[in-house]
PDB file of N, CA and C in Angstrom:
ATOM      1  N   MET A   1      56.734 131.877 -54.348  1.00  0.00           N
ATOM      2  CA  MET A   1      58.751 132.267 -54.424  1.00  0.00           C
ATOM      3  C   MET A   1      58.979 130.418 -54.933  1.00  0.00           C
ATOM      4  N   LYS A   2      58.495 130.106 -53.636  1.00  0.00           N
ATOM      5  CA  LYS A   2      59.455 128.709 -52.885  1.00  0.00           C
ATOM      6  C   LYS A   2      58.665 127.786 -53.747  1.00  0.00           C
ATOM      7  N   ALA A   3      57.070 127.924 -54.372  1.00  0.00           N
ATOM      8  CA  ALA A   3      56.621 127.067 -54.904  1.00  0.00           C
ATOM      9  C   ALA A   3      56.371 127.430 -56.663  1.00  0.00           C
ATOM     10  N   GLU A   4      57.398 128.507 -57.084  1.00  0.00           N
ATOM     11  CA  GLU A   4      57.224 128.181 -58.293  1.00  0.00           C
ATOM     12  C   GLU A   4      59.083 127.803 -58.930  1.00  0.00           C
ATOM     13  N   GLN A   5      59.355 127.060 -57.649  1.00  0.00           N
ATOM     14  CA  GLN A   5      60.766 126.446 -57.653  1.00  0.00           C
ATOM     15  C   GLN A   5      60.965 124.981 -57.668  1.00  0.00           C
ATOM     16  N   HIS A   6      59.804 124.524 -56.786  1.00  0.00           N
ATOM     17  CA  HIS A   6      59.156 122.892 -57.086  1.00  0.00           C
ATOM     18  C   HIS A   6      57.819 122.588 -57.806  1.00  0.00           C
ATOM     19  N   ALA A   7      57.718 123.466 -58.631  1.00  0.00           N
ATOM     20  CA  ALA A   7      56.618 123.230 -59.527  1.00  0.00           C
ATOM     21  C   ALA A   7      57.096 122.583 -60.744  1.00  0.00           C
ATOM     22  N   PRO A   8      56.654 121.781 -61.117  1.00  0.00           N
ATOM     23  CA  PRO A   8      57.213 120.373 -62.064  1.00  0.00           C
ATOM     24  C   PRO A   8      57.044 120.716 -63.947  1.00  0.00           C
ATOM     25  N   SER A   9      57.540 120.953 -64.579  1.00  0.00           N
ATOM     26  CA  SER A   9      57.365 120.186 -66.058  1.00  0.00           C
ATOM     27  C   SER A   9      56.096 119.666 -66.538  1.00  0.00           C
ATOM     28  N   PRO A  10      54.985 119.806 -67.651  1.00  0.00           N
ATOM     29  CA  PRO A  10      54.322 119.055 -67.729  1.00  0.00           C
ATOM     30  C   PRO A  10      54.777 117.696 -67.751  1.00  0.00           C
ATOM     31  N   LEU A  11      55.971 117.628 -68.539  1.00  0.00           N
ATOM     32  CA  LEU A  11      56.837 115.848 -68.639  1.00  0.00           C
ATOM     33  C   LEU A  11      56.521 115.869 -67.010  1.00  0.00           C
ATOM     34  N   SER A  12      57.827 115.972 -66.043  1.00  0.00           N
ATOM     35  CA  SER A  12      57.387 115.226 -65.107  1.00  0.00           C
ATOM     36  C   SER A  12      56.261 115.241 -64.375  1.00  0.00           C
ATOM     37  N   GLU A  13      54.968 115.450 -64.899  1.00  0.00           N
ATOM     38  CA  GLU A  13      53.901 115.910 -64.223  1.00  0.00           C
ATOM     39  C   GLU A  13      53.194 114.730 -65.073  1.00  0.00           C
ATOM     40  N   SER A  14      53.747 114.275 -66.259  1.00  0.00           N
ATOM     41  CA  SER A  14      53.123 113.473 -66.564  1.00  0.00           C
ATOM     42  C   SER A  14      53.859 111.404 -66.340  1.00  0.00           C
ATOM     43  N   VAL A  15      55.114 111.570 -66.053  1.00  0.00           N
ATOM     44  CA  VAL A  15      55.853 110.888 -65.561  1.00  0.00           C
ATOM     45  C   VAL A  15      55.337 110.617 -64.214  1.00  0.00           C
ATOM     46  N   ALA A  16      55.652 111.701 -63.344  1.00  0.00           N
ATOM     47  CA  ALA A  16      55.158 111.433 -61.765  1.00  0.00           C
ATOM     48  C   ALA A  16      53.309 110.600 -61.480  1.00  0.00           C
ATOM     49  N   THR A  17      52.760 110.965 -62.645  1.00  0.00           N
ATOM     50  CA  THR A  17      51.198 110.682 -62.496  1.00  0.00           C
ATOM     51  C   THR A  17      51.478 109.240 -62.415  1.00  0.00           C
ATOM     52  N   GLU A  18      50.505 108.535 -61.590  1.00  0.00           N
ATOM     53  CA  GLU A  18      49.758 107.168 -61.703  1.00  0.00           C
ATOM     54  C   GLU A  18      49.200 107.057 -63.412  1.00  0.00           C
ATOM     55  N   GLY A  19      49.758 105.989 -64.717  1.00  0.00           N
ATOM     56  CA  GLY A  19      48.596 105.243 -65.833  1.00  0.00           C
ATOM     57  C   GLY A  19      49.711 106.419 -66.984  1.00  0.00           C
ATOM     58  N   PRO A  20      50.618 106.697 -67.343  1.00  0.00           N
ATOM     59  CA  PRO A  20      51.009 107.321 -68.577  1.00  0.00           C
ATOM     60  C   PRO A  20      49.940 108.486 -69.053  1.00  0.00           C
ATOM     61  N   GLU A  21      50.766 109.278 -69.198  1.00  0.00           N
ATOM     62  CA  GLU A  21      49.503 110.420 -70.362  1.00  0.00           C
ATOM     63  C   GLU A  21      49.812 110.152 -70.934  1.00  0.00           C
ATOM     64  N   VAL A  22      49.343 110.148 -72.118  1.00  0.00           N
ATOM     65  CA  VAL A  22      49.909 109.947 -73.596  1.00  0.00           C
ATOM     66  C   VAL A  22      49.535 111.628 -74.122  1.00  0.00           C
ATOM     67  N   TRP A  23      50.348 111.612 -75.239  1.00  0.00           N
ATOM     68  CA  TRP A  23      50.680 112.998 -75.716  1.00  0.00           C
ATOM     69  C   TRP A  23      50.499 112.566 -77.412  1.00  0.00           C
ATOM     70  N   GLU A  24      49.638 113.121 -78.054  1.00  0.00           N
ATOM     71  CA  GLU A  24      48.430 112.857 -79.112  1.00  0.00           C
ATOM     72  C   GLU A  24      49.239 114.474 -80.418  1.00  0.00           C
ATOM     73  N   LEU A  25      50.177 114.165 -81.326  1.00  0.00           N
ATOM     74  CA  LEU A  25      50.387 114.933 -82.195  1.00  0.00           C
ATOM     75  C   LEU A  25      49.846 114.035 -82.942  1.00  0.00           C
ATOM     76  N   ARG A  26      49.724 116.031 -84.321  1.00  0.00           N
ATOM     77  CA  ARG A  26      49.372 115.201 -85.471  1.00  0.00           C
ATOM     78  C   ARG A  26      50.354 116.541 -86.486  1.00  0.00           C
ATOM     79  N   LEU A  27      51.271 115.645 -87.126  1.00  0.00           N
ATOM     80  CA  LEU A  27      51.905 115.861 -88.256  1.00  0.00           C
ATOM     81  C   LEU A  27      51.473 116.087 -89.498  1.00  0.00           C
ATOM     82  N   TYR A  28      51.349 117.265 -89.848  1.00  0.00           N
ATOM     83  CA  TYR A  28      50.676 117.835 -91.616  1.00  0.00           C
ATOM     84  C   TYR A  28      51.830 118.044 -92.492  1.00  0.00           C
ATOM     85  N   VAL A  29      51.507 117.689 -93.446  1.00  0.00           N
ATOM     86  CA  VAL A  29      52.657 117.053 -94.454  1.00  0.00           C
ATOM     87  C   VAL A  29      51.795 117.769 -95.850  1.00  0.00           C
ATOM     88  N   ALA A  30      53.054 117.582 -96.887  1.00  0.00           N
ATOM     89  CA  ALA A  30      52.634 117.365 -98.271  1.00  0.00           C
ATOM     90  C   ALA A  30      53.511 116.741 -98.737  1.00  0.00           C
ATOM     91  N   GLY A  31      53.250 115.205 -98.458  1.00  0.00           N
ATOM     92  CA  GLY A  31      53.951 114.267 -99.539  1.00  0.00           C
ATOM     93  C   GLY A  31      55.292 114.052 -98.261  1.00  0.00           C
ATOM     94  N   LYS A  32      56.206 113.258 -99.444  1.00  0.00           N
ATOM     95  CA  LYS A  32      57.025 113.048 -99.100  1.00  0.00           C
ATOM     96  C   LYS A  32      58.421 113.594 -99.032  1.00  0.00           C
ATOM     97  N   THR A  33      58.017 114.795 -99.435  1.00  0.00           N
ATOM     98  CA  THR A  33      59.213 115.605 -99.749  1.00  0.00           C
ATOM     99  C   THR A  33      60.597 115.635 -98.177  1.00  0.00           C
ATOM    100  N   ALA A  34      61.800 116.114 -98.510  1.00  0.00           N
ATOM    101  CA  ALA A  34      62.505 116.233 -97.111  1.00  0.00           C
ATOM    102  C   ALA A  34      62.438 116.689 -96.480  1.00  0.00           C
ATOM    103  N   LYS A  35      61.376 117.987 -96.466  1.00  0.00           N
ATOM    104  CA  LYS A  35      60.711 118.602 -94.891  1.00  0.00           C
ATOM    105  C   LYS A  35      60.427 118.042 -94.695  1.00  0.00           C
ATOM    106  N   SER A  36      58.877 117.087 -95.029  1.00  0.00           N
ATOM    107  CA  SER A  36      57.950 116.611 -94.213  1.00  0.00           C
ATOM    108  C   SER A  36      59.320 114.814 -93.820  1.00  0.00           C
ATOM    109  N   VAL A  37      59.605 114.449 -94.370  1.00  0.00           N
ATOM    110  CA  VAL A  37      60.719 113.493 -94.076  1.00  0.00           C
ATOM    111  C   VAL A  37      61.322 113.193 -92.738  1.00  0.00           C
ATOM    112  N   ALA A  38      62.341 115.208 -93.382  1.00  0.00           N
ATOM    113  CA  ALA A  38      62.974 114.924 -91.460  1.00  0.00           C
ATOM    114  C   ALA A  38      61.934 115.723 -90.650  1.00  0.00           C
ATOM    115  N   ALA A  39      60.825 115.858 -90.438  1.00  0.00           N
ATOM    116  CA  ALA A  39      59.789 116.033 -89.895  1.00  0.00           C
ATOM    117  C   ALA A  39      59.611 115.355 -88.731  1.00  0.00           C
ATOM    118  N   LEU A  40      59.405 114.253 -89.262  1.00  0.00           N
ATOM    119  CA  LEU A  40      59.032 112.828 -89.111  1.00  0.00           C
ATOM    120  C   LEU A  40      60.080 112.360 -88.026  1.00  0.00           C
ATOM    121  N   GLU A  41      61.363 112.325 -88.573  1.00  0.00           N
ATOM    122  CA  GLU A  41      62.571 111.909 -88.394  1.00  0.00           C
ATOM    123  C   GLU A  41      62.869 112.920 -86.734  1.00  0.00           C
ATOM    124  N   ASN A  42      62.595 113.900 -87.173  1.00  0.00           N
ATOM    125  CA  ASN A  42      62.808 114.299 -85.617  1.00  0.00           C
ATOM    126  C   ASN A  42      62.182 114.101 -84.743  1.00  0.00           C
ATOM    127  N   LEU A  43      60.741 114.436 -85.627  1.00  0.00           N
ATOM    128  CA  LEU A  43      59.989 114.946 -84.083  1.00  0.00           C
ATOM    129  C   LEU A  43      59.606 112.502 -83.191  1.00  0.00           C
ATOM    130  N   THR A  44      59.594 112.098 -84.342  1.00  0.00           N
ATOM    131  CA  THR A  44      59.566 110.697 -83.668  1.00  0.00           C
ATOM    132  C   THR A  44      61.094 110.506 -82.835  1.00  0.00           C
ATOM    133  N   ARG A  45      62.775 110.993 -83.340  1.00  0.00           N
ATOM    134  CA  ARG A  45      63.905 110.811 -82.067  1.00  0.00           C
ATOM    135  C   ARG A  45      63.328 111.803 -81.381  1.00  0.00           C
ATOM    136  N   LEU A  46      62.834 112.611 -80.980  1.00  0.00           N
ATOM    137  CA  LEU A  46      62.995 113.975 -79.909  1.00  0.00           C
ATOM    138  C   LEU A  46      61.395 113.250 -78.738  1.00  0.00           C
ATOM    139  N   CYS A  47      60.460 112.929 -78.828  1.00  0.00           N
ATOM    140  CA  CYS A  47      59.368 111.734 -78.723  1.00  0.00           C
ATOM    141  C   CYS A  47      60.381 110.471 -78.007  1.00  0.00           C
ATOM    142  N   GLU A  48      61.180 109.583 -78.909  1.00  0.00           N
ATOM    143  CA  GLU A  48      61.710 108.956 -78.396  1.00  0.00           C
ATOM    144  C   GLU A  48      62.376 108.871 -76.815  1.00  0.00           C
ATOM    145  N   ARG A  49      63.091 110.367 -76.386  1.00  0.00           N
ATOM    146  CA  ARG A  49      64.379 110.528 -75.697  1.00  0.00           C
ATOM    147  C   ARG A  49      63.038 111.199 -74.882  1.00  0.00           C
ATOM    148  N   GLU A  50      61.900 112.043 -74.942  1.00  0.00           N
ATOM    149  CA  GLU A  50      61.237 112.722 -73.804  1.00  0.00           C
ATOM    150  C   GLU A  50      60.573 111.749 -73.077  1.00  0.00           C
ATOM    151  N   MET A  51      59.797 111.341 -74.193  1.00  0.00           N
ATOM    152  CA  MET A  51      58.534 111.349 -73.563  1.00  0.00           C
ATOM    153  C   MET A  51      58.545 109.566 -74.530  1.00  0.00           C
ATOM    154  N   PRO A  52      59.301 108.641 -74.160  1.00  0.00           N
ATOM    155  CA  PRO A  52      59.362 107.414 -74.437  1.00  0.00           C
ATOM    156  C   PRO A  52      57.874 106.146 -73.825  1.00  0.00           C
ATOM    157  N   GLY A  53      57.271 105.909 -75.332  1.00  0.00           N
ATOM    158  CA  GLY A  53      55.657 105.098 -74.688  1.00  0.00           C
ATOM    159  C   GLY A  53      54.521 105.586 -73.991  1.00  0.00           C
ATOM    160  N   LYS A  54      54.234 107.481 -74.359  1.00  0.00           N
ATOM    161  CA  LYS A  54      53.743 108.398 -73.906  1.00  0.00           C
ATOM    162  C   LYS A  54      53.577 108.611 -75.200  1.00  0.00           C
ATOM    163  N   TYR A  55      52.852 108.867 -76.029  1.00  0.00           N
ATOM    164  CA  TYR A  55      52.981 109.394 -77.190  1.00  0.00           C
ATOM    165  C   TYR A  55      52.597 109.071 -78.514  1.00  0.00           C
ATOM    166  N   LYS A  56      51.824 109.342 -79.083  1.00  0.00           N
ATOM    167  CA  LYS A  56      51.150 108.987 -80.611  1.00  0.00           C
ATOM    168  C   LYS A  56      51.530 109.898 -81.585  1.00  0.00           C
ATOM    169  N   ILE A  57      52.435 109.602 -82.302  1.00  0.00           N
ATOM    170  CA  ILE A  57      51.843 110.489 -83.633  1.00  0.00           C
ATOM    171  C   ILE A  57      50.737 109.962 -85.113  1.00  0.00           C
ATOM    172  N   GLU A  58      50.579 110.699 -85.408  1.00  0.00           N
ATOM    173  CA  GLU A  58      49.748 110.757 -86.344  1.00  0.00           C
ATOM    174  C   GLU A  58      50.301 111.820 -87.106  1.00  0.00           C
ATOM    175  N   VAL A  59      49.999 111.242 -88.527  1.00  0.00           N
ATOM    176  CA  VAL A  59      50.834 111.849 -89.668  1.00  0.00           C
ATOM    177  C   VAL A  59      49.483 112.348 -90.798  1.00  0.00           C
ATOM    178  N   VAL A  60      49.381 113.729 -91.331  1.00  0.00           N
ATOM    179  CA  VAL A  60      48.427 113.491 -92.043  1.00  0.00           C
ATOM    180  C   VAL A  60      48.811 114.505 -93.554  1.00  0.00           C
ATOM    181  N   ASP A  61      49.069 113.929 -94.319  1.00  0.00           N
ATOM    182  CA  ASP A  61      49.649 114.261 -95.703  1.00  0.00           C
ATOM    183  C   ASP A  61      47.777 115.286 -96.505  1.00  0.00           C
ATOM    184  N   LEU A  62      48.683 116.127 -97.199  1.00  0.00           N
ATOM    185  CA  LEU A  62      47.477 117.250 -97.274  1.00  0.00           C
ATOM    186  C   LEU A  62      47.181 116.889 -98.363  1.00  0.00           C
ATOM    187  N   LEU A  63      48.548 116.218 -99.021  1.00  0.00           N
ATOM    188  CA  LEU A  63      48.398 115.543-100.506  1.00  0.00           C
ATOM    189  C   LEU A  63      47.026 114.811-100.953  1.00  0.00           C
ATOM    190  N   VAL A  64      47.102 114.249-100.031  1.00  0.00           N
ATOM    191  CA  VAL A  64      45.655 113.694-100.098  1.00  0.00           C
ATOM    192  C   VAL A  64      43.986 113.288 -98.946  1.00  0.00           C
ATOM    193  N   HIS A  65      44.559 114.736 -98.070  1.00  0.00           N
ATOM    194  CA  HIS A  65      43.449 114.605 -97.057  1.00  0.00           C
ATOM    195  C   HIS A  65      43.293 116.749 -96.960  1.00  0.00           C
ATOM    196  N   PRO A  66      43.300 117.459 -97.948  1.00  0.00           N
ATOM    197  CA  PRO A  66      43.536 118.235 -97.705  1.00  0.00           C
ATOM    198  C   PRO A  66      42.221 119.328 -96.947  1.00  0.00           C
ATOM    199  N   GLN A  67      41.310 118.779 -96.919  1.00  0.00           N
ATOM    200  CA  GLN A  67      39.810 119.008 -96.267  1.00  0.00           C
ATOM    201  C   GLN A  67      40.960 118.889 -95.158  1.00  0.00           C
ATOM    202  N   LEU A  68      41.757 118.321 -94.131  1.00  0.00           N
ATOM    203  CA  LEU A  68      41.845 118.061 -92.959  1.00  0.00           C
ATOM    204  C   LEU A  68      42.552 119.247 -92.084  1.00  0.00           C
ATOM    205  N   ALA A  69      42.968 120.218 -93.142  1.00  0.00           N
ATOM    206  CA  ALA A  69      44.147 121.738 -92.955  1.00  0.00           C
ATOM    207  C   ALA A  69      42.537 122.380 -92.765  1.00  0.00           C
ATOM    208  N   LYS A  70      42.020 122.444 -92.380  1.00  0.00           N
ATOM    209  CA  LYS A  70      41.204 123.465 -91.456  1.00  0.00           C
ATOM    210  C   LYS A  70      40.287 123.403 -90.434  1.00  0.00           C
ATOM    211  N   GLY A  71      40.646 122.070 -90.484  1.00  0.00           N
ATOM    212  CA  GLY A  71      40.551 121.851 -88.416  1.00  0.00           C
ATOM    213  C   GLY A  71      41.279 122.465 -88.365  1.00  0.00           C
ATOM    214  N   ASP A  72      42.332 122.388 -87.798  1.00  0.00           N
ATOM    215  CA  ASP A  72      43.619 122.503 -87.115  1.00  0.00           C
ATOM    216  C   ASP A  72      44.024 124.098 -87.611  1.00  0.00           C
ATOM    217  N   GLN A  73      43.583 124.776 -88.525  1.00  0.00           N
ATOM    218  CA  GLN A  73      43.796 125.788 -89.336  1.00  0.00           C
ATOM    219  C   GLN A  73      45.792 125.989 -89.345  1.00  0.00           C
ATOM    220  N   ILE A  74      45.900 125.291 -90.793  1.00  0.00           N
ATOM    221  CA  ILE A  74      46.932 125.101 -90.852  1.00  0.00           C
ATOM    222  C   ILE A  74      47.153 126.116 -92.217  1.00  0.00           C
ATOM    223  N   LEU A  75      48.375 126.657 -91.918  1.00  0.00           N
ATOM    224  CA  LEU A  75      48.426 127.782 -92.708  1.00  0.00           C
ATOM    225  C   LEU A  75      49.841 127.933 -93.772  1.00  0.00           C
ATOM    226  N   ALA A  76      50.714 127.009 -93.008  1.00  0.00           N
ATOM    227  CA  ALA A  76      51.746 126.285 -93.473  1.00  0.00           C
ATOM    228  C   ALA A  76      52.875 124.516 -92.598  1.00  0.00           C
ATOM    229  N   ILE A  77      53.303 124.048 -93.948  1.00  0.00           N
ATOM    230  CA  ILE A  77      53.365 122.683 -93.767  1.00  0.00           C
ATOM    231  C   ILE A  77      55.078 122.553 -93.996  1.00  0.00           C
ATOM    232  N   PRO A  78      55.753 121.799 -92.867  1.00  0.00           N
ATOM    233  CA  PRO A  78      55.022 120.998 -91.720  1.00  0.00           C
ATOM    234  C   PRO A  78      54.437 121.656 -90.899  1.00  0.00           C
ATOM    235  N   THR A  79      53.775 121.194 -90.211  1.00  0.00           N
ATOM    236  CA  THR A  79      53.183 121.781 -88.606  1.00  0.00           C
ATOM    237  C   THR A  79      52.935 121.206 -87.641  1.00  0.00           C
ATOM    238  N   LEU A  80      53.647 120.325 -86.658  1.00  0.00           N
ATOM    239  CA  LEU A  80      53.281 119.407 -85.477  1.00  0.00           C
ATOM    240  C   LEU A  80      51.925 120.881 -84.946  1.00  0.00           C
ATOM    241  N   VAL A  81      50.808 119.483 -84.381  1.00  0.00           N
ATOM    242  CA  VAL A  81      50.254 120.166 -83.854  1.00  0.00           C
ATOM    243  C   VAL A  81      49.941 119.435 -82.789  1.00  0.00           C
ATOM    244  N   ARG A  82      49.872 119.752 -81.497  1.00  0.00           N
ATOM    245  CA  ARG A  82      49.800 119.046 -79.796  1.00  0.00           C
ATOM    246  C   ARG A  82      48.270 118.881 -79.992  1.00  0.00           C
ATOM    247  N   LYS A  83      47.260 118.038 -79.803  1.00  0.00           N
ATOM    248  CA  LYS A  83      45.532 117.766 -79.259  1.00  0.00           C
ATOM    249  C   LYS A  83      45.792 117.776 -78.122  1.00  0.00           C
ATOM    250  N   LEU A  84      46.596 116.431 -76.966  1.00  0.00           N
ATOM    251  CA  LEU A  84      46.539 115.876 -76.130  1.00  0.00           C
ATOM    252  C   LEU A  84      48.288 116.220 -75.851  1.00  0.00           C
ATOM    253  N   PRO A  85      48.238 116.267 -73.867  1.00  0.00           N
ATOM    254  CA  PRO A  85      47.401 117.038 -73.088  1.00  0.00           C
ATOM    255  C   PRO A  85      47.333 118.635 -74.049  1.00  0.00           C
ATOM    256  N   GLN A  86      45.997 119.060 -73.503  1.00  0.00           N
ATOM    257  CA  GLN A  86      45.726 120.421 -73.576  1.00  0.00           C
ATOM    258  C   GLN A  86      46.362 121.694 -73.069  1.00  0.00           C
ATOM    259  N   PRO A  87      46.343 122.287 -73.451  1.00  0.00           N
ATOM    260  CA  PRO A  87      46.770 122.971 -74.800  1.00  0.00           C
ATOM    261  C   PRO A  87      46.862 122.757 -75.614  1.00  0.00           C
ATOM    262  N   ILE A  88      45.871 122.915 -77.241  1.00  0.00           N
ATOM    263  CA  ILE A  88      46.253 122.392 -78.945  1.00  0.00           C
ATOM    264  C   ILE A  88      47.682 123.429 -78.352  1.00  0.00           C
ATOM    265  N   ARG A  89      48.894 123.131 -79.004  1.00  0.00           N
ATOM    266  CA  ARG A  89      50.346 124.132 -79.592  1.00  0.00           C
ATOM    267  C   ARG A  89      50.379 123.792 -80.861  1.00  0.00           C
ATOM    268  N   LYS A  90      51.073 124.041 -81.258  1.00  0.00           N
ATOM    269  CA  LYS A  90      51.661 124.179 -82.759  1.00  0.00           C
ATOM    270  C   LYS A  90      53.118 124.650 -83.066  1.00  0.00           C
ATOM    271  N   VAL A  91      53.220 123.333 -83.684  1.00  0.00           N
ATOM    272  CA  VAL A  91      55.509 123.933 -83.970  1.00  0.00           C
ATOM    273  C   VAL A  91      55.240 123.979 -85.920  1.00  0.00           C
ATOM    274  N   ILE A  92      55.843 125.195 -86.320  1.00  0.00           N
ATOM    275  CA  ILE A  92      56.240 125.186 -87.348  1.00  0.00           C
ATOM    276  C   ILE A  92      57.650 125.104 -88.120  1.00  0.00           C
ATOM    277  N   GLY A  93      57.401 123.885 -88.788  1.00  0.00           N
ATOM    278  CA  GLY A  93      59.226 123.357 -89.531  1.00  0.00           C
ATOM    279  C   GLY A  93      59.341 122.168 -89.808  1.00  0.00           C
ATOM    280  N   ASP A  94      60.415 122.133 -90.016  1.00  0.00           N
ATOM    281  CA  ASP A  94      60.945 120.594 -89.987  1.00  0.00           C
ATOM    282  C   ASP A  94      61.520 120.190 -88.839  1.00  0.00           C
ATOM    283  N   LEU A  95      61.439 120.870 -87.717  1.00  0.00           N
ATOM    284  CA  LEU A  95      61.725 120.322 -86.013  1.00  0.00           C
ATOM    285  C   LEU A  95      63.343 119.889 -86.064  1.00  0.00           C
ATOM    286  N   SER A  96      64.166 121.154 -86.709  1.00  0.00           N
ATOM    287  CA  SER A  96      65.082 120.456 -86.448  1.00  0.00           C
ATOM    288  C   SER A  96      65.967 121.503 -85.429  1.00  0.00           C
ATOM    289  N   ASN A  97      65.043 122.291 -84.727  1.00  0.00           N
ATOM    290  CA  ASN A  97      66.174 123.295 -83.010  1.00  0.00           C
ATOM    291  C   ASN A  97      65.085 123.106 -82.443  1.00  0.00           C
ATOM    292  N   THR A  98      65.441 121.419 -81.995  1.00  0.00           N
ATOM    293  CA  THR A  98      64.944 120.756 -80.806  1.00  0.00           C
ATOM    294  C   THR A  98      64.781 121.822 -79.450  1.00  0.00           C
ATOM    295  N   GLU A  99      65.633 122.522 -78.826  1.00  0.00           N
ATOM    296  CA  GLU A  99      65.111 123.651 -78.550  1.00  0.00           C
ATOM    297  C   GLU A  99      63.890 124.160 -78.697  1.00  0.00           C
ATOM    298  N   ARG A 100      63.988 124.460 -79.424  1.00  0.00           N
ATOM    299  CA  ARG A 100      62.368 125.804 -79.888  1.00  0.00           C
ATOM    300  C   ARG A 100      61.043 124.457 -80.197  1.00  0.00           C
ATOM    301  N   THR A 101      61.623 122.751 -80.138  1.00  0.00           N
ATOM    302  CA  THR A 101      60.467 121.975 -80.083  1.00  0.00           C
ATOM    303  C   THR A 101      60.209 121.949 -79.360  1.00  0.00           C
ATOM    304  N   LEU A 102      60.974 121.784 -77.799  1.00  0.00           N
ATOM    305  CA  LEU A 102      60.344 121.254 -76.946  1.00  0.00           C
ATOM    306  C   LEU A 102      59.839 122.480 -75.941  1.00  0.00           C
ATOM    307  N   VAL A 103      60.314 123.628 -76.303  1.00  0.00           N
ATOM    308  CA  VAL A 103      59.541 124.864 -76.084  1.00  0.00           C
ATOM    309  C   VAL A 103      57.987 125.025 -76.279  1.00  0.00           C
ATOM    310  N   GLY A 104      58.299 124.984 -78.097  1.00  0.00           N
ATOM    311  CA  GLY A 104      56.780 124.982 -78.195  1.00  0.00           C
ATOM    312  C   GLY A 104      55.284 123.854 -77.688  1.00  0.00           C
ATOM    313  N   LEU A 105      56.601 123.110 -77.787  1.00  0.00           N
ATOM    314  CA  LEU A 105      55.392 121.364 -76.995  1.00  0.00           C
ATOM    315  C   LEU A 105      55.205 121.564 -75.755  1.00  0.00           C
ATOM    316  N   GLN A 106      56.124 122.419 -75.123  1.00  0.00           N
ATOM    317  CA  GLN A 106      55.656 123.084 -73.486  1.00  0.00           C
ATOM    318  C   GLN A 106      56.451 122.218 -72.902  1.00  0.00           C
ATOM    319  N   LEU A 107      57.522 120.680 -73.232  1.00  0.00           N
ATOM    320  CA  LEU A 107      57.834 119.505 -72.837  1.00  0.00           C
ATOM    321  C   LEU A 107      58.673 120.550 -71.914  1.00  0.00           C
ATOM    322  N   ARG A 108      59.490 121.894 -72.465  1.00  0.00           N
ATOM    323  CA  ARG A 108      61.060 122.918 -71.374  1.00  0.00           C
ATOM    324  C   ARG A 108      60.533 124.066 -71.202  1.00  0.00           C
ATOM    325  N   PRO A 109      60.346 124.634 -70.573  1.00  0.00           N
ATOM    326  CA  PRO A 109      60.092 125.987 -70.724  1.00  0.00           C
ATOM    327  C   PRO A 109      60.778 127.243 -71.334  1.00  0.00           C
ATOM    328  N   ALA A 110      60.024 128.113 -71.681  1.00  0.00           N
ATOM    329  CA  ALA A 110      61.275 129.352 -72.468  1.00  0.00           C
ATOM    330  C   ALA A 110      62.487 129.861 -71.807  1.00  0.00           C
ATOM    331  N   GLU A 111      62.972 129.709 -72.241  1.00  0.00           N
ATOM    332  CA  GLU A 111      64.432 130.527 -71.511  1.00  0.00           C
ATOM    333  C   GLU A 111      64.345 132.472 -71.663  1.00  0.00           C
ATOM    334  N   ASN A 112      64.523 132.258 -70.542  1.00  0.00           N
ATOM    335  CA  ASN A 112      64.346 134.438 -70.786  1.00  0.00           C
ATOM    336  C   ASN A 112      65.137 135.598 -71.622  1.00  0.00           C
TER     337      ASN A 112
END
């Protein structure tokens, strides 16, 4: 039990290690809809607050590149995919629920 109390979260591990761990995030959208724009703004704000300088966001517009949806098995948009660190994680929606997004990305443990 003692080890669990001191187990670092994924974020604190990346902060504690030498050389920054870069979080590779891919946001799938369909055009510049209100939801797509909100998702990017919410994601950028969250990343700047939780892991400043340790993230890379790639935006994939499925109206321009629809073939890219198959690789990450995108069924809804907007969808955020955490490519790195492994394992791959997905969060669907405009990312306005910060707590749900943090848990989905494993930046914060889920509350029971």
